[in-house]
Amino acid sequence: MHGAHHHHGPAGHDHAGHGHGHSHAPKDFGRAFAIGTVLNLGFVLVEGLAGIATGSMALLADAGHNLSDVLGLLIAWGGASLAKRPASRRFTYGLSSSTILGALANAVLLLFAVGAIALEAVQRLGSPAPVPGAAVMIVASIGIVINTATALLFMRGSKDDLNIRGAYLHMAADAAVSAAVVVGGALILFTGKAWIDPALSLLIVVVILWSTWGLLRDSVVMALHAVPPGIDAEKVEQTLATLPGVTRVHDLHIWPMSTTQVALTAHLQMPDGHPGDAFLNDAQHRLEHDFGINHMTLQIEIGDGDPCRLHGGHGAGHG
């Protein structure tokens, strides 16, 4: 028995299991998206109607916020589903970068929703109408429950994927916003001051703007093919430069193909000739393991003449 167990040692650290590059796409969030969308759509209807019935700007703002998140969920879901579609002749990467576009569209939509709510709230501040605090508290409490439940569905994926993180952060922010509305309802009940309601809706607007700005910035940076945060381009270059036989690395490009996939291309100067497939496999494994880069294309140059001839002498990493 002990002998059999000992055999487990080297096999336990078998690197064959390391080809997890391509299955990295969001796997089982379809159900989370479906449940989250249905729950939240239902709640938006209830909250919106309650907001109109009670004349509460804060409830309407919260409903607007929740609706923008349902749209966000749908966009993220669409992005995640499209990202799983296989590559075609025309879309050689598949449609994986739709997750980046999704995050971008999501942010822009939120900004529109915010504008409309802010406008209404500012007008309301001039002539506040009385609002039933108890009703506001009850409706917003339901919001806390629903948003917390939805956020928990996405908590697992929020570490690795900007797209899922967008969905998760929105739901968490929504729970916090609904909590603020509950507090506002209580204050209205106890003080009878009607301006608390539109003031609170403006506060919600600030919260949305704050969270959206980060998402907008991250997704724009991704859309511009910046090196993903958490990958140090210089370290990658050093790793490639220290591979056996490499005298020079140039034309190094690292960019996000989707919110989870990273690609790299580089030219390696290797005067001793082409190093063979084992070298390439090793390089691929190093990049995947150390940096999470899933797709690598290396151009090997034997480099007897002028190196600049091969790559037009432009791009990063020269000298």
Protein backbone atom coordinates (compact mmCIF):
# COMPACT_ATOMS: atom_id res chain seq x y z
CA MET A 1 0.00 0.00 0.00
CA HIS A 2 2.76 2.35 0.97
CA GLY A 3 4.57 1.69 -2.28
CA ALA A 4 1.48 2.54 -4.26
CA HIS A 5 1.12 5.75 -2.33
CA HIS A 6 4.70 6.70 -2.97
CA HIS A 7 4.12 6.37 -6.70
CA HIS A 8 1.75 9.28 -6.35
CA GLY A 9 4.57 11.75 -5.73
CA PRO A 10 5.80 12.75 -9.19
CA ALA A 11 2.40 12.13 -10.80
CA GLY A 12 0.80 14.50 -8.33
CA HIS A 13 2.75 17.39 -9.81
CA ASP A 14 2.18 16.37 -13.38
CA HIS A 15 2.41 19.39 -15.59
CA ALA A 16 0.07 17.99 -18.19
CA GLY A 17 -2.71 19.43 -16.08
CA HIS A 18 -1.37 22.84 -16.85
CA GLY A 19 -3.05 23.34 -20.18
CA HIS A 20 -5.89 25.17 -18.49
CA GLY A 21 -5.34 28.13 -20.78
CA HIS A 22 -8.31 27.75 -23.05
CA SER A 23 -10.97 26.56 -20.64
CA HIS A 24 -10.38 29.73 -18.62
CA ALA A 25 -13.52 31.31 -20.06
CA PRO A 26 -16.30 31.86 -17.53
CA LYS A 27 -17.65 28.34 -17.25
CA ASP A 28 -20.77 27.94 -15.21
CA PHE A 29 -22.00 31.46 -14.70
CA GLY A 30 -24.92 30.93 -17.08
CA ARG A 31 -27.13 29.85 -14.21
CA ALA A 32 -25.95 32.67 -11.97
CA PHE A 33 -26.72 35.16 -14.73
CA ALA A 34 -30.17 33.69 -15.37
CA ILE A 35 -31.18 33.65 -11.69
CA GLY A 36 -29.71 37.10 -11.11
CA THR A 37 -31.48 38.62 -14.12
CA VAL A 38 -34.91 37.21 -13.28
CA LEU A 39 -34.71 38.16 -9.58
CA ASN A 40 -33.53 41.67 -10.30
CA LEU A 41 -35.94 42.37 -13.15
CA GLY A 42 -38.82 41.38 -10.88
CA PHE A 43 -37.55 43.65 -8.16
CA VAL A 44 -37.00 46.61 -10.50
CA LEU A 45 -40.67 46.41 -11.50
CA VAL A 46 -41.83 46.29 -7.88
CA GLU A 47 -39.49 49.05 -6.78
CA GLY A 48 -40.22 51.30 -9.74
CA LEU A 49 -43.97 51.01 -9.23
CA ALA A 50 -43.54 51.59 -5.49
CA GLY A 51 -41.44 54.66 -6.25
CA ILE A 52 -44.15 56.10 -8.49
CA ALA A 53 -46.92 55.21 -6.04
CA THR A 54 -45.17 56.72 -3.02
CA GLY A 55 -43.58 59.59 -4.92
CA SER A 56 -40.19 58.53 -3.55
CA MET A 57 -37.28 59.76 -5.65
CA ALA A 58 -34.90 57.57 -3.67
CA LEU A 59 -36.85 54.43 -4.55
CA LEU A 60 -36.94 55.47 -8.21
CA ALA A 61 -33.20 56.15 -8.12
CA ASP A 62 -32.61 52.75 -6.58
CA ALA A 63 -34.85 51.12 -9.18
CA GLY A 64 -32.94 52.94 -11.91
CA HIS A 65 -29.71 51.73 -10.42
CA ASN A 66 -31.04 48.18 -10.27
CA LEU A 67 -32.33 48.35 -13.83
CA SER A 68 -28.97 49.52 -15.10
CA ASP A 69 -27.51 46.53 -13.31
CA VAL A 70 -29.93 44.14 -14.93
CA LEU A 71 -28.79 45.58 -18.27
CA GLY A 72 -25.25 45.20 -17.02
CA LEU A 73 -25.93 41.57 -16.11
CA LEU A 74 -27.42 40.90 -19.54
CA ILE A 75 -24.44 42.52 -21.25
CA ALA A 76 -21.98 40.60 -19.10
CA TRP A 77 -23.92 37.40 -19.73
CA GLY A 78 -23.96 38.04 -23.46
CA GLY A 79 -20.25 38.81 -23.36
CA ALA A 80 -19.46 35.65 -21.44
CA SER A 81 -21.57 33.52 -23.81
CA LEU A 82 -20.06 35.11 -26.91
CA ALA A 83 -16.59 34.60 -25.48
CA LYS A 84 -17.23 30.84 -25.46
CA ARG A 85 -18.07 30.70 -29.16
CA PRO A 86 -15.36 29.07 -31.25
CA ALA A 87 -13.10 31.10 -33.50
CA SER A 88 -14.10 31.49 -37.13
CA ARG A 89 -12.27 32.48 -40.31
CA ARG A 90 -13.30 36.08 -39.83
CA PHE A 91 -13.11 36.34 -36.03
CA THR A 92 -9.89 34.46 -35.55
CA TYR A 93 -9.96 35.02 -31.80
CA GLY A 94 -13.58 33.97 -31.52
CA LEU A 95 -15.70 36.70 -29.98
CA SER A 96 -13.85 36.78 -26.69
CA SER A 97 -13.22 40.51 -26.61
CA SER A 98 -16.98 41.04 -26.49
CA THR A 99 -16.48 40.77 -22.72
CA ILE A 100 -14.38 43.95 -22.90
CA LEU A 101 -17.01 45.71 -25.01
CA GLY A 102 -19.65 44.52 -22.56
CA ALA A 103 -17.87 46.10 -19.62
CA LEU A 104 -17.51 49.30 -21.64
CA ALA A 105 -21.17 49.44 -22.74
CA ASN A 106 -22.20 48.68 -19.18
CA ALA A 107 -20.32 51.69 -17.83
CA VAL A 108 -21.70 54.05 -20.48
CA LEU A 109 -25.29 52.89 -19.82
CA LEU A 110 -24.91 53.57 -16.12
CA LEU A 111 -23.78 57.11 -16.79
CA PHE A 112 -26.98 57.76 -18.76
CA ALA A 113 -29.19 56.34 -16.01
CA VAL A 114 -27.42 58.53 -13.48
CA GLY A 115 -27.96 61.70 -15.48
CA ALA A 116 -31.71 61.20 -15.68
CA ILE A 117 -32.06 60.51 -11.95
CA ALA A 118 -29.86 63.46 -10.94
CA LEU A 119 -31.88 65.85 -13.08
CA GLU A 120 -35.16 64.80 -11.50
CA ALA A 121 -33.73 64.87 -7.98
CA VAL A 122 -32.36 68.38 -8.36
CA GLN A 123 -35.80 69.61 -9.50
CA ARG A 124 -37.39 67.81 -6.55
CA LEU A 125 -35.07 69.48 -4.04
CA GLY A 126 -36.71 72.79 -4.95
CA SER A 127 -40.20 71.54 -4.09
CA PRO A 128 -40.02 68.29 -2.11
CA ALA A 129 -43.21 66.25 -1.84
CA PRO A 130 -44.09 64.24 1.29
CA VAL A 131 -43.02 60.58 1.13
CA PRO A 132 -44.24 57.62 3.24
CA GLY A 133 -41.07 56.52 5.04
CA ALA A 134 -42.36 53.11 6.16
CA ALA A 135 -43.24 51.97 2.63
CA VAL A 136 -39.84 53.13 1.38
CA MET A 137 -38.12 51.12 4.11
CA ILE A 138 -40.02 47.92 3.35
CA VAL A 139 -39.39 48.02 -0.41
CA ALA A 140 -35.70 48.88 -0.03
CA SER A 141 -35.24 46.04 2.48
CA ILE A 142 -36.36 43.56 -0.16
CA GLY A 143 -33.69 45.12 -2.37
CA ILE A 144 -30.97 44.37 0.16
CA VAL A 145 -31.95 40.69 0.24
CA ILE A 146 -32.16 40.29 -3.54
CA ASN A 147 -28.93 42.14 -4.29
CA THR A 148 -26.94 40.34 -1.62
CA ALA A 149 -28.18 36.98 -2.92
CA THR A 150 -27.19 37.90 -6.49
CA ALA A 151 -23.79 39.22 -5.46
CA LEU A 152 -23.04 35.91 -3.72
CA LEU A 153 -23.75 34.06 -6.98
CA PHE A 154 -20.90 35.94 -8.64
CA MET A 155 -18.48 36.12 -5.76
CA ARG A 156 -16.47 33.12 -6.94
CA GLY A 157 -15.62 34.49 -10.37
CA SER A 158 -14.99 38.07 -9.35
CA LYS A 159 -11.28 37.48 -8.65
CA ASP A 160 -10.25 36.44 -12.13
CA ASP A 161 -12.59 38.09 -14.58
CA LEU A 162 -13.25 41.80 -14.99
CA ASN A 163 -16.56 41.04 -16.66
CA ILE A 164 -17.83 38.92 -13.74
CA ARG A 165 -16.31 41.43 -11.33
CA GLY A 166 -18.43 44.15 -12.92
CA ALA A 167 -21.56 42.10 -12.22
CA TYR A 168 -20.43 41.31 -8.67
CA LEU A 169 -19.51 44.89 -7.75
CA HIS A 170 -22.80 46.18 -9.09
CA MET A 171 -24.79 43.80 -6.98
CA ALA A 172 -22.75 44.56 -3.88
CA ALA A 173 -23.14 48.30 -4.51
CA ASP A 174 -26.87 47.79 -5.01
CA ALA A 175 -27.21 46.12 -1.64
CA ALA A 176 -25.40 49.06 -0.03
CA VAL A 177 -27.57 51.57 -1.89
CA SER A 178 -30.76 49.80 -0.83
CA ALA A 179 -29.45 49.90 2.73
CA ALA A 180 -29.00 53.66 2.40
CA VAL A 181 -32.58 53.97 1.18
CA VAL A 182 -33.80 52.03 4.24
CA VAL A 183 -31.92 54.45 6.50
CA GLY A 184 -33.38 57.35 4.52
CA GLY A 185 -36.89 55.95 4.95
CA ALA A 186 -36.31 55.77 8.71
CA LEU A 187 -35.07 59.37 8.82
CA ILE A 188 -38.12 60.55 6.85
CA LEU A 189 -40.36 58.68 9.30
CA PHE A 190 -38.77 60.25 12.36
CA THR A 191 -38.07 63.79 11.14
CA GLY A 192 -40.87 64.22 8.60
CA LYS A 193 -38.44 66.15 6.36
CA ALA A 194 -39.32 65.59 2.68
CA TRP A 195 -36.02 66.86 1.24
CA ILE A 196 -34.22 63.80 2.65
CA ASP A 197 -35.62 61.71 -0.21
CA PRO A 198 -34.27 63.66 -3.23
CA ALA A 199 -31.04 64.35 -1.32
CA LEU A 200 -30.61 60.62 -0.81
CA SER A 201 -31.20 59.94 -4.49
CA LEU A 202 -28.38 62.37 -5.32
CA LEU A 203 -26.14 60.50 -2.90
CA ILE A 204 -26.99 57.28 -4.76
CA VAL A 205 -26.01 59.00 -8.00
CA VAL A 206 -22.59 59.80 -6.55
CA VAL A 207 -22.14 56.16 -5.49
CA ILE A 208 -23.03 54.93 -8.99
CA LEU A 209 -20.67 57.45 -10.61
CA TRP A 210 -17.86 56.39 -8.34
CA SER A 211 -18.24 52.67 -9.08
CA THR A 212 -18.82 53.22 -12.79
CA TRP A 213 -15.75 55.38 -13.25
CA GLY A 214 -13.47 52.49 -12.28
CA LEU A 215 -15.24 50.09 -14.64
CA LEU A 216 -15.15 52.63 -17.48
CA ARG A 217 -11.45 53.27 -16.96
CA ASP A 218 -10.53 49.58 -16.76
CA SER A 219 -12.53 48.62 -19.83
CA VAL A 220 -11.23 51.54 -21.93
CA VAL A 221 -7.67 50.57 -21.00
CA MET A 222 -8.43 46.98 -22.03
CA ALA A 223 -10.04 48.09 -25.29
CA LEU A 224 -6.82 50.00 -26.03
CA HIS A 225 -4.87 46.74 -25.72
CA ALA A 226 -2.85 47.83 -22.71
CA VAL A 227 -0.80 45.16 -20.94
CA PRO A 228 -3.24 43.69 -18.38
CA PRO A 229 -2.73 44.88 -14.80
CA GLY A 230 -0.84 42.30 -12.80
CA ILE A 231 1.46 41.44 -15.70
CA ASP A 232 4.84 43.15 -15.58
CA ALA A 233 5.98 43.55 -19.19
CA GLU A 234 9.61 44.02 -18.17
CA LYS A 235 9.57 40.76 -16.21
CA VAL A 236 8.08 38.97 -19.21
CA GLU A 237 10.81 40.40 -21.41
CA GLN A 238 13.48 39.28 -18.93
CA THR A 239 11.97 35.78 -18.79
CA LEU A 240 12.14 35.52 -22.59
CA ALA A 241 15.64 37.02 -22.71
CA THR A 242 17.00 34.46 -20.23
CA LEU A 243 15.72 31.47 -22.24
CA PRO A 244 18.71 29.42 -23.52
CA GLY A 245 20.11 30.70 -26.82
CA VAL A 246 18.24 34.01 -26.89
CA THR A 247 20.49 37.03 -27.45
CA ARG A 248 17.82 39.69 -27.88
CA VAL A 249 14.07 40.18 -27.48
CA HIS A 250 12.22 42.79 -29.51
CA ASP A 251 8.74 43.64 -30.78
CA LEU A 252 7.19 42.30 -27.59
CA HIS A 253 3.43 42.79 -27.44
CA ILE A 254 1.12 41.69 -24.61
CA TRP A 255 -2.61 42.39 -24.77
CA PRO A 256 -5.93 41.17 -23.38
CA MET A 257 -8.03 39.13 -25.83
CA SER A 258 -10.94 39.10 -23.40
CA THR A 259 -11.45 39.83 -19.72
CA THR A 260 -9.73 36.52 -18.91
CA GLN A 261 -7.41 35.68 -21.84
CA VAL A 262 -4.03 37.24 -22.53
CA ALA A 263 -1.98 36.99 -25.73
CA LEU A 264 1.69 37.65 -26.41
CA THR A 265 3.83 38.00 -29.51
CA ALA A 266 7.57 38.58 -29.60
CA HIS A 267 10.61 38.28 -31.82
CA LEU A 268 13.55 36.36 -30.37
CA GLN A 269 17.00 36.64 -31.87
CA MET A 270 18.73 33.25 -31.71
CA PRO A 271 21.99 33.19 -33.70
CA ASP A 272 22.54 29.46 -33.09
CA GLY A 273 19.50 28.54 -35.15
CA HIS A 274 15.96 27.43 -34.44
CA PRO A 275 15.82 25.79 -30.99
CA GLY A 276 13.05 23.28 -31.79
CA ASP A 277 9.61 22.57 -30.39
CA ALA A 278 10.73 21.55 -26.90
CA PHE A 279 12.05 25.10 -26.41
CA LEU A 280 8.72 26.58 -27.55
CA ASN A 281 6.72 24.27 -25.28
CA ASP A 282 8.93 25.23 -22.37
CA ALA A 283 8.53 28.96 -23.13
CA GLN A 284 4.77 28.55 -23.41
CA HIS A 285 4.63 26.76 -20.09
CA ARG A 286 6.77 29.38 -18.37
CA LEU A 287 4.56 32.23 -19.63
CA GLU A 288 1.36 30.46 -18.66
CA HIS A 289 2.64 29.46 -15.24
CA ASP A 290 4.39 32.69 -14.23
CA PHE A 291 2.21 35.32 -15.89
CA GLY A 292 -1.08 33.67 -16.86
CA ILE A 293 -0.46 34.40 -20.56
CA ASN A 294 -2.48 31.83 -22.50
CA HIS A 295 -1.60 32.49 -26.14
CA MET A 296 1.96 32.89 -27.29
CA THR A 297 3.42 33.45 -30.74
CA LEU A 298 7.21 33.70 -31.03
CA GLN A 299 9.13 34.64 -34.14
CA ILE A 300 12.61 33.15 -34.11
CA GLU A 301 15.24 35.15 -36.00
CA ILE A 302 18.65 33.68 -36.78
CA GLY A 303 19.86 37.26 -37.03
CA ASP A 304 22.86 37.32 -39.37
CA GLY A 305 22.00 40.69 -40.88
CA ASP A 306 20.44 43.87 -39.59
CA PRO A 307 17.74 42.97 -37.03
CA CYS A 308 15.72 46.07 -37.86
CA ARG A 309 15.05 44.80 -41.36
CA LEU A 310 12.62 42.20 -40.04
CA HIS A 311 10.38 44.35 -37.94
CA GLY A 312 10.42 47.79 -39.45
CA GLY A 313 12.25 49.24 -36.47
CA HIS A 314 9.10 50.37 -34.63
CA GLY A 315 7.16 49.19 -31.60
CA ALA A 316 8.15 48.87 -27.97
CA GLY A 317 11.23 47.36 -26.44
CA HIS A 318 14.06 48.52 -28.67
CA GLY A 319 17.61 49.41 -27.77
